[in-house]
Amino acid sequence: MRLVNKQTDQPLVEFIEGQTLFHSRYLEREMRTLGIPIPPGSRSLFNGQDTIYLGDDQFQKAFKEIYYETLMDRTLFKWE
């Protein structure tokens, strides 16, 4: 599964067999340092954690369900 910029058809991130491969160094750095903030109502889905960082076993789930759904413009990016 990969997230692609619709305008350029370039991948932003790929999830391959449990591995996360970033094509955007900026986004990768952001995920390592800032992580994905988990809203209070969703924390029970992530073992009570308030932030999920790259490398966490629930990172891909948080990226797809929280980061993509709430923070990304779906008119610019799509999953393939």
PDB file of N, CA and C in Angstrom:
ATOM      1  N   MET A   1       0.854  -1.168   0.000  1.00  0.00           N
ATOM      2  CA  MET A   1       0.000   0.000   0.000  1.00  0.00           C
ATOM      3  C   MET A   1       0.902   1.234   0.000  1.00  0.00           C
ATOM      4  N   ARG A   2       0.544   2.206  -0.803  1.00  0.00           N
ATOM      5  CA  ARG A   2       1.332   3.434  -0.810  1.00  0.00           C
ATOM      6  C   ARG A   2       0.421   4.643  -0.959  1.00  0.00           C
ATOM      7  N   LEU A   3       0.901   5.762  -0.393  1.00  0.00           N
ATOM      8  CA  LEU A   3       0.195   7.034  -0.469  1.00  0.00           C
ATOM      9  C   LEU A   3       0.864   7.865  -1.555  1.00  0.00           C
ATOM     10  N   VAL A   4       0.067   8.307  -2.515  1.00  0.00           N
ATOM     11  CA  VAL A   4       0.590   8.961  -3.711  1.00  0.00           C
ATOM     12  C   VAL A   4       0.020  10.363  -3.847  1.00  0.00           C
ATOM     13  N   ASN A   5       0.881  11.293  -4.288  1.00  0.00           N
ATOM     14  CA  ASN A   5       0.452  12.639  -4.635  1.00  0.00           C
ATOM     15  C   ASN A   5      -0.296  12.549  -5.963  1.00  0.00           C
ATOM     16  N   LYS A   6      -1.560  12.940  -6.000  1.00  0.00           N
ATOM     17  CA  LYS A   6      -2.376  12.827  -7.208  1.00  0.00           C
ATOM     18  C   LYS A   6      -1.864  13.693  -8.349  1.00  0.00           C
ATOM     19  N   GLN A   7      -1.271  14.827  -8.042  1.00  0.00           N
ATOM     20  CA  GLN A   7      -0.819  15.739  -9.092  1.00  0.00           C
ATOM     21  C   GLN A   7       0.459  15.264  -9.774  1.00  0.00           C
ATOM     22  N   THR A   8       1.375  14.686  -8.991  1.00  0.00           N
ATOM     23  CA  THR A   8       2.662  14.281  -9.554  1.00  0.00           C
ATOM     24  C   THR A   8       2.788  12.772  -9.726  1.00  0.00           C
ATOM     25  N   ASP A   9       1.861  12.017  -9.164  1.00  0.00           N
ATOM     26  CA  ASP A   9       1.882  10.552  -9.153  1.00  0.00           C
ATOM     27  C   ASP A   9       3.116   9.997  -8.434  1.00  0.00           C
ATOM     28  N   GLN A  10       3.715  10.814  -7.572  1.00  0.00           N
ATOM     29  CA  GLN A  10       4.880  10.393  -6.796  1.00  0.00           C
ATOM     30  C   GLN A  10       4.428   9.859  -5.438  1.00  0.00           C
ATOM     31  N   PRO A  11       5.024   8.744  -5.001  1.00  0.00           N
ATOM     32  CA  PRO A  11       4.667   8.223  -3.680  1.00  0.00           C
ATOM     33  C   PRO A  11       5.242   9.093  -2.565  1.00  0.00           C
ATOM     34  N   LEU A  12       4.491   9.191  -1.498  1.00  0.00           N
ATOM     35  CA  LEU A  12       4.906   9.936  -0.315  1.00  0.00           C
ATOM     36  C   LEU A  12       5.426   8.965   0.741  1.00  0.00           C
ATOM     37  N   VAL A  13       4.703   7.859   0.893  1.00  0.00           N
ATOM     38  CA  VAL A  13       5.086   6.822   1.852  1.00  0.00           C
ATOM     39  C   VAL A  13       4.525   5.489   1.343  1.00  0.00           C
ATOM     40  N   GLU A  14       5.244   4.403   1.648  1.00  0.00           N
ATOM     41  CA  GLU A  14       4.793   3.059   1.297  1.00  0.00           C
ATOM     42  C   GLU A  14       4.831   2.173   2.532  1.00  0.00           C
ATOM     43  N   PHE A  15       3.844   1.307   2.635  1.00  0.00           N
ATOM     44  CA  PHE A  15       3.802   0.297   3.687  1.00  0.00           C
ATOM     45  C   PHE A  15       3.969  -1.049   2.999  1.00  0.00           C
ATOM     46  N   ILE A  16       5.115  -1.674   3.219  1.00  0.00           N
ATOM     47  CA  ILE A  16       5.443  -2.932   2.553  1.00  0.00           C
ATOM     48  C   ILE A  16       5.766  -3.985   3.603  1.00  0.00           C
ATOM     49  N   GLU A  17       4.876  -4.978   3.747  1.00  0.00           N
ATOM     50  CA  GLU A  17       5.090  -6.092   4.669  1.00  0.00           C
ATOM     51  C   GLU A  17       5.551  -5.634   6.057  1.00  0.00           C
ATOM     52  N   GLY A  18       4.841  -4.677   6.624  1.00  0.00           N
ATOM     53  CA  GLY A  18       5.169  -4.198   7.964  1.00  0.00           C
ATOM     54  C   GLY A  18       6.260  -3.134   8.009  1.00  0.00           C
ATOM     55  N   GLN A  19       6.908  -2.876   6.912  1.00  0.00           N
ATOM     56  CA  GLN A  19       7.949  -1.848   6.828  1.00  0.00           C
ATOM     57  C   GLN A  19       7.325  -0.544   6.344  1.00  0.00           C
ATOM     58  N   THR A  20       7.870   0.573   6.817  1.00  0.00           N
ATOM     59  CA  THR A  20       7.423   1.897   6.373  1.00  0.00           C
ATOM     60  C   THR A  20       8.565   2.549   5.619  1.00  0.00           C
ATOM     61  N   LEU A  21       8.323   2.893   4.354  1.00  0.00           N
ATOM     62  CA  LEU A  21       9.338   3.503   3.501  1.00  0.00           C
ATOM     63  C   LEU A  21       8.858   4.894   3.088  1.00  0.00           C
ATOM     64  N   PHE A  22       9.557   5.915   3.566  1.00  0.00           N
ATOM     65  CA  PHE A  22       9.197   7.293   3.224  1.00  0.00           C
ATOM     66  C   PHE A  22       9.953   7.753   1.983  1.00  0.00           C
ATOM     67  N   HIS A  23       9.248   8.459   1.107  1.00  0.00           N
ATOM     68  CA  HIS A  23       9.857   9.098  -0.051  1.00  0.00           C
ATOM     69  C   HIS A  23       9.976  10.598   0.196  1.00  0.00           C
ATOM     70  N   SER A  24       9.383  11.054   1.285  1.00  0.00           N
ATOM     71  CA  SER A  24       9.476  12.451   1.715  1.00  0.00           C
ATOM     72  C   SER A  24      10.319  12.485   2.987  1.00  0.00           C
ATOM     73  N   ARG A  25      11.517  13.025   2.891  1.00  0.00           N
ATOM     74  CA  ARG A  25      12.390  13.106   4.068  1.00  0.00           C
ATOM     75  C   ARG A  25      11.811  14.057   5.114  1.00  0.00           C
ATOM     76  N   TYR A  26      11.108  15.068   4.669  1.00  0.00           N
ATOM     77  CA  TYR A  26      10.467  16.009   5.591  1.00  0.00           C
ATOM     78  C   TYR A  26       9.423  15.279   6.442  1.00  0.00           C
ATOM     79  N   LEU A  27       8.552  14.512   5.785  1.00  0.00           N
ATOM     80  CA  LEU A  27       7.511  13.789   6.506  1.00  0.00           C
ATOM     81  C   LEU A  27       8.123  12.728   7.416  1.00  0.00           C
ATOM     82  N   GLU A  28       9.152  12.066   6.966  1.00  0.00           N
ATOM     83  CA  GLU A  28       9.817  11.068   7.799  1.00  0.00           C
ATOM     84  C   GLU A  28      10.393  11.702   9.070  1.00  0.00           C
ATOM     85  N   ARG A  29      11.045  12.828   8.907  1.00  0.00           N
ATOM     86  CA  ARG A  29      11.612  13.546  10.061  1.00  0.00           C
ATOM     87  C   ARG A  29      10.502  13.984  11.028  1.00  0.00           C
ATOM     88  N   GLU A  30       9.389  14.444  10.479  1.00  0.00           N
ATOM     89  CA  GLU A  30       8.251  14.866  11.300  1.00  0.00           C
ATOM     90  C   GLU A  30       7.690  13.678  12.097  1.00  0.00           C
ATOM     91  N   MET A  31       7.594  12.524  11.474  1.00  0.00           N
ATOM     92  CA  MET A  31       7.053  11.340  12.151  1.00  0.00           C
ATOM     93  C   MET A  31       8.004  10.823  13.233  1.00  0.00           C
ATOM     94  N   ARG A  32       9.306  11.001  13.024  1.00  0.00           N
ATOM     95  CA  ARG A  32      10.287  10.572  14.028  1.00  0.00           C
ATOM     96  C   ARG A  32      10.320  11.517  15.232  1.00  0.00           C
ATOM     97  N   THR A  33      10.203  12.812  14.974  1.00  0.00           N
ATOM     98  CA  THR A  33      10.373  13.786  16.056  1.00  0.00           C
ATOM     99  C   THR A  33       9.059  14.219  16.704  1.00  0.00           C
ATOM    100  N   LEU A  34       8.035  14.476  15.897  1.00  0.00           N
ATOM    101  CA  LEU A  34       6.754  14.952  16.428  1.00  0.00           C
ATOM    102  C   LEU A  34       5.729  13.837  16.593  1.00  0.00           C
ATOM    103  N   GLY A  35       5.797  12.847  15.725  1.00  0.00           N
ATOM    104  CA  GLY A  35       4.848  11.743  15.775  1.00  0.00           C
ATOM    105  C   GLY A  35       3.458  12.149  15.325  1.00  0.00           C
ATOM    106  N   ILE A  36       2.525  11.268  15.612  1.00  0.00           N
ATOM    107  CA  ILE A  36       1.124  11.496  15.260  1.00  0.00           C
ATOM    108  C   ILE A  36       0.342  11.682  16.558  1.00  0.00           C
ATOM    109  N   PRO A  37      -0.186  12.878  16.782  1.00  0.00           N
ATOM    110  CA  PRO A  37      -0.982  13.097  17.996  1.00  0.00           C
ATOM    111  C   PRO A  37      -2.305  12.335  17.903  1.00  0.00           C
ATOM    112  N   ILE A  38      -2.616  11.592  18.941  1.00  0.00           N
ATOM    113  CA  ILE A  38      -3.842  10.801  18.963  1.00  0.00           C
ATOM    114  C   ILE A  38      -4.902  11.560  19.764  1.00  0.00           C
ATOM    115  N   PRO A  39      -6.051  11.848  19.155  1.00  0.00           N
ATOM    116  CA  PRO A  39      -7.112  12.561  19.870  1.00  0.00           C
ATOM    117  C   PRO A  39      -7.590  11.761  21.087  1.00  0.00           C
ATOM    118  N   PRO A  40      -8.008  12.436  22.144  1.00  0.00           N
ATOM    119  CA  PRO A  40      -8.444  11.737  23.362  1.00  0.00           C
ATOM    120  C   PRO A  40      -9.472  10.629  23.111  1.00  0.00           C
ATOM    121  N   GLY A  41     -10.401  10.847  22.226  1.00  0.00           N
ATOM    122  CA  GLY A  41     -11.433   9.852  21.962  1.00  0.00           C
ATOM    123  C   GLY A  41     -10.950   8.614  21.234  1.00  0.00           C
ATOM    124  N   SER A  42      -9.769   8.668  20.675  1.00  0.00           N
ATOM    125  CA  SER A  42      -9.212   7.534  19.930  1.00  0.00           C
ATOM    126  C   SER A  42      -8.091   6.819  20.674  1.00  0.00           C
ATOM    127  N   ARG A  43      -7.690   7.327  21.811  1.00  0.00           N
ATOM    128  CA  ARG A  43      -6.533   6.761  22.522  1.00  0.00           C
ATOM    129  C   ARG A  43      -6.752   5.323  22.967  1.00  0.00           C
ATOM    130  N   SER A  44      -7.980   4.956  23.243  1.00  0.00           N
ATOM    131  CA  SER A  44      -8.234   3.562  23.646  1.00  0.00           C
ATOM    132  C   SER A  44      -7.901   2.598  22.512  1.00  0.00           C
ATOM    133  N   LEU A  45      -7.948   3.049  21.275  1.00  0.00           N
ATOM    134  CA  LEU A  45      -7.595   2.219  20.122  1.00  0.00           C
ATOM    135  C   LEU A  45      -6.088   2.054  19.970  1.00  0.00           C
ATOM    136  N   PHE A  46      -5.331   2.883  20.700  1.00  0.00           N
ATOM    137  CA  PHE A  46      -3.871   2.882  20.607  1.00  0.00           C
ATOM    138  C   PHE A  46      -3.230   2.693  21.981  1.00  0.00           C
ATOM    139  N   ASN A  47      -3.809   1.791  22.770  1.00  0.00           N
ATOM    140  CA  ASN A  47      -3.275   1.447  24.097  1.00  0.00           C
ATOM    141  C   ASN A  47      -3.113   2.664  25.008  1.00  0.00           C
ATOM    142  N   GLY A  48      -3.977   3.654  24.855  1.00  0.00           N
ATOM    143  CA  GLY A  48      -3.947   4.830  25.708  1.00  0.00           C
ATOM    144  C   GLY A  48      -2.867   5.846  25.372  1.00  0.00           C
ATOM    145  N   GLN A  49      -2.095   5.591  24.324  1.00  0.00           N
ATOM    146  CA  GLN A  49      -1.011   6.508  23.965  1.00  0.00           C
ATOM    147  C   GLN A  49      -1.560   7.817  23.403  1.00  0.00           C
ATOM    148  N   ASP A  50      -0.884   8.922  23.727  1.00  0.00           N
ATOM    149  CA  ASP A  50      -1.319  10.214  23.188  1.00  0.00           C
ATOM    150  C   ASP A  50      -0.539  10.604  21.937  1.00  0.00           C
ATOM    151  N   THR A  51       0.575   9.926  21.661  1.00  0.00           N
ATOM    152  CA  THR A  51       1.368  10.177  20.458  1.00  0.00           C
ATOM    153  C   THR A  51       1.948   8.853  19.978  1.00  0.00           C
ATOM    154  N   ILE A  52       1.915   8.640  18.665  1.00  0.00           N
ATOM    155  CA  ILE A  52       2.507   7.448  18.060  1.00  0.00           C
ATOM    156  C   ILE A  52       3.642   7.924  17.159  1.00  0.00           C
ATOM    157  N   TYR A  53       4.834   7.335  17.347  1.00  0.00           N
ATOM    158  CA  TYR A  53       6.022   7.718  16.575  1.00  0.00           C
ATOM    159  C   TYR A  53       6.391   6.633  15.571  1.00  0.00           C
ATOM    160  N   LEU A  54       7.131   7.037  14.551  1.00  0.00           N
ATOM    161  CA  LEU A  54       7.673   6.092  13.591  1.00  0.00           C
ATOM    162  C   LEU A  54       8.462   5.045  14.362  1.00  0.00           C
ATOM    163  N   GLY A  55       8.233   3.799  14.070  1.00  0.00           N
ATOM    164  CA  GLY A  55       8.899   2.713  14.779  1.00  0.00           C
ATOM    165  C   GLY A  55       7.982   2.020  15.766  1.00  0.00           C
ATOM    166  N   ASP A  56       6.907   2.706  16.198  1.00  0.00           N
ATOM    167  CA  ASP A  56       5.926   2.091  17.078  1.00  0.00           C
ATOM    168  C   ASP A  56       5.173   1.015  16.286  1.00  0.00           C
ATOM    169  N   ASP A  57       4.816  -0.071  16.932  1.00  0.00           N
ATOM    170  CA  ASP A  57       4.126  -1.155  16.224  1.00  0.00           C
ATOM    171  C   ASP A  57       2.741  -0.753  15.701  1.00  0.00           C
ATOM    172  N   GLN A  58       2.187   0.348  16.179  1.00  0.00           N
ATOM    173  CA  GLN A  58       0.893   0.818  15.692  1.00  0.00           C
ATOM    174  C   GLN A  58       1.016   2.041  14.777  1.00  0.00           C
ATOM    175  N   PHE A  59       2.233   2.316  14.325  1.00  0.00           N
ATOM    176  CA  PHE A  59       2.450   3.507  13.504  1.00  0.00           C
ATOM    177  C   PHE A  59       1.612   3.497  12.228  1.00  0.00           C
ATOM    178  N   GLN A  60       1.637   2.408  11.485  1.00  0.00           N
ATOM    179  CA  GLN A  60       0.909   2.380  10.215  1.00  0.00           C
ATOM    180  C   GLN A  60      -0.588   2.579  10.421  1.00  0.00           C
ATOM    181  N   LYS A  61      -1.133   1.958  11.449  1.00  0.00           N
ATOM    182  CA  LYS A  61      -2.554   2.133  11.764  1.00  0.00           C
ATOM    183  C   LYS A  61      -2.837   3.602  12.088  1.00  0.00           C
ATOM    184  N   ALA A  62      -2.009   4.215  12.925  1.00  0.00           N
ATOM    185  CA  ALA A  62      -2.197   5.619  13.289  1.00  0.00           C
ATOM    186  C   ALA A  62      -2.048   6.529  12.072  1.00  0.00           C
ATOM    187  N   PHE A  63      -1.106   6.218  11.202  1.00  0.00           N
ATOM    188  CA  PHE A  63      -0.905   7.041  10.011  1.00  0.00           C
ATOM    189  C   PHE A  63      -2.146   6.991   9.132  1.00  0.00           C
ATOM    190  N   LYS A  64      -2.676   5.801   8.885  1.00  0.00           N
ATOM    191  CA  LYS A  64      -3.839   5.638   8.004  1.00  0.00           C
ATOM    192  C   LYS A  64      -5.118   6.183   8.638  1.00  0.00           C
ATOM    193  N   GLU A  65      -5.343   5.848   9.911  1.00  0.00           N
ATOM    194  CA  GLU A  65      -6.624   6.180  10.537  1.00  0.00           C
ATOM    195  C   GLU A  65      -6.689   7.568  11.164  1.00  0.00           C
ATOM    196  N   ILE A  66      -5.564   8.107  11.582  1.00  0.00           N
ATOM    197  CA  ILE A  66      -5.572   9.414  12.233  1.00  0.00           C
ATOM    198  C   ILE A  66      -4.931  10.475  11.342  1.00  0.00           C
ATOM    199  N   TYR A  67      -3.664  10.288  11.018  1.00  0.00           N
ATOM    200  CA  TYR A  67      -2.933  11.317  10.271  1.00  0.00           C
ATOM    201  C   TYR A  67      -3.562  11.572   8.903  1.00  0.00           C
ATOM    202  N   TYR A  68      -3.739  10.519   8.117  1.00  0.00           N
ATOM    203  CA  TYR A  68      -4.301  10.699   6.775  1.00  0.00           C
ATOM    204  C   TYR A  68      -5.740  11.216   6.837  1.00  0.00           C
ATOM    205  N   GLU A  69      -6.556  10.593   7.676  1.00  0.00           N
ATOM    206  CA  GLU A  69      -7.977  10.947   7.717  1.00  0.00           C
ATOM    207  C   GLU A  69      -8.252  12.340   8.265  1.00  0.00           C
ATOM    208  N   THR A  70      -7.417  12.833   9.174  1.00  0.00           N
ATOM    209  CA  THR A  70      -7.723  14.116   9.809  1.00  0.00           C
ATOM    210  C   THR A  70      -6.811  15.267   9.393  1.00  0.00           C
ATOM    211  N   LEU A  71      -5.598  14.951   8.931  1.00  0.00           N
ATOM    212  CA  LEU A  71      -4.642  16.029   8.677  1.00  0.00           C
ATOM    213  C   LEU A  71      -4.227  16.203   7.215  1.00  0.00           C
ATOM    214  N   MET A  72      -4.581  15.263   6.366  1.00  0.00           N
ATOM    215  CA  MET A  72      -4.148  15.366   4.974  1.00  0.00           C
ATOM    216  C   MET A  72      -5.327  15.717   4.069  1.00  0.00           C
ATOM    217  N   ASP A  73      -5.026  16.437   3.011  1.00  0.00           N
ATOM    218  CA  ASP A  73      -6.034  16.823   2.031  1.00  0.00           C
ATOM    219  C   ASP A  73      -6.222  15.655   1.060  1.00  0.00           C
ATOM    220  N   ARG A  74      -7.361  14.977   1.170  1.00  0.00           N
ATOM    221  CA  ARG A  74      -7.612  13.802   0.340  1.00  0.00           C
ATOM    222  C   ARG A  74      -7.840  14.137  -1.138  1.00  0.00           C
ATOM    223  N   THR A  75      -7.978  15.440  -1.455  1.00  0.00           N
ATOM    224  CA  THR A  75      -8.074  15.800  -2.874  1.00  0.00           C
ATOM    225  C   THR A  75      -6.672  15.809  -3.499  1.00  0.00           C
ATOM    226  N   LEU A  76      -5.622  15.835  -2.672  1.00  0.00           N
ATOM    227  CA  LEU A  76      -4.249  15.855  -3.185  1.00  0.00           C
ATOM    228  C   LEU A  76      -3.534  14.515  -3.083  1.00  0.00           C
ATOM    229  N   PHE A  77      -4.002  13.631  -2.181  1.00  0.00           N
ATOM    230  CA  PHE A  77      -3.323  12.361  -1.945  1.00  0.00           C
ATOM    231  C   PHE A  77      -4.299  11.200  -2.001  1.00  0.00           C
ATOM    232  N   LYS A  78      -3.817  10.054  -2.461  1.00  0.00           N
ATOM    233  CA  LYS A  78      -4.662   8.853  -2.540  1.00  0.00           C
ATOM    234  C   LYS A  78      -3.837   7.620  -2.173  1.00  0.00           C
ATOM    235  N   TRP A  79      -4.531   6.607  -1.666  1.00  0.00           N
ATOM    236  CA  TRP A  79      -3.907   5.313  -1.366  1.00  0.00           C
ATOM    237  C   TRP A  79      -4.007   4.426  -2.595  1.00  0.00           C
ATOM    238  N   GLU A  80      -2.940   3.729  -2.862  1.00  0.00           N
ATOM    239  CA  GLU A  80      -2.950   2.732  -3.959  1.00  0.00           C
ATOM    240  C   GLU A  80      -2.506   1.412  -3.409  1.00  0.00           C
TER     241      GLU A  80
END
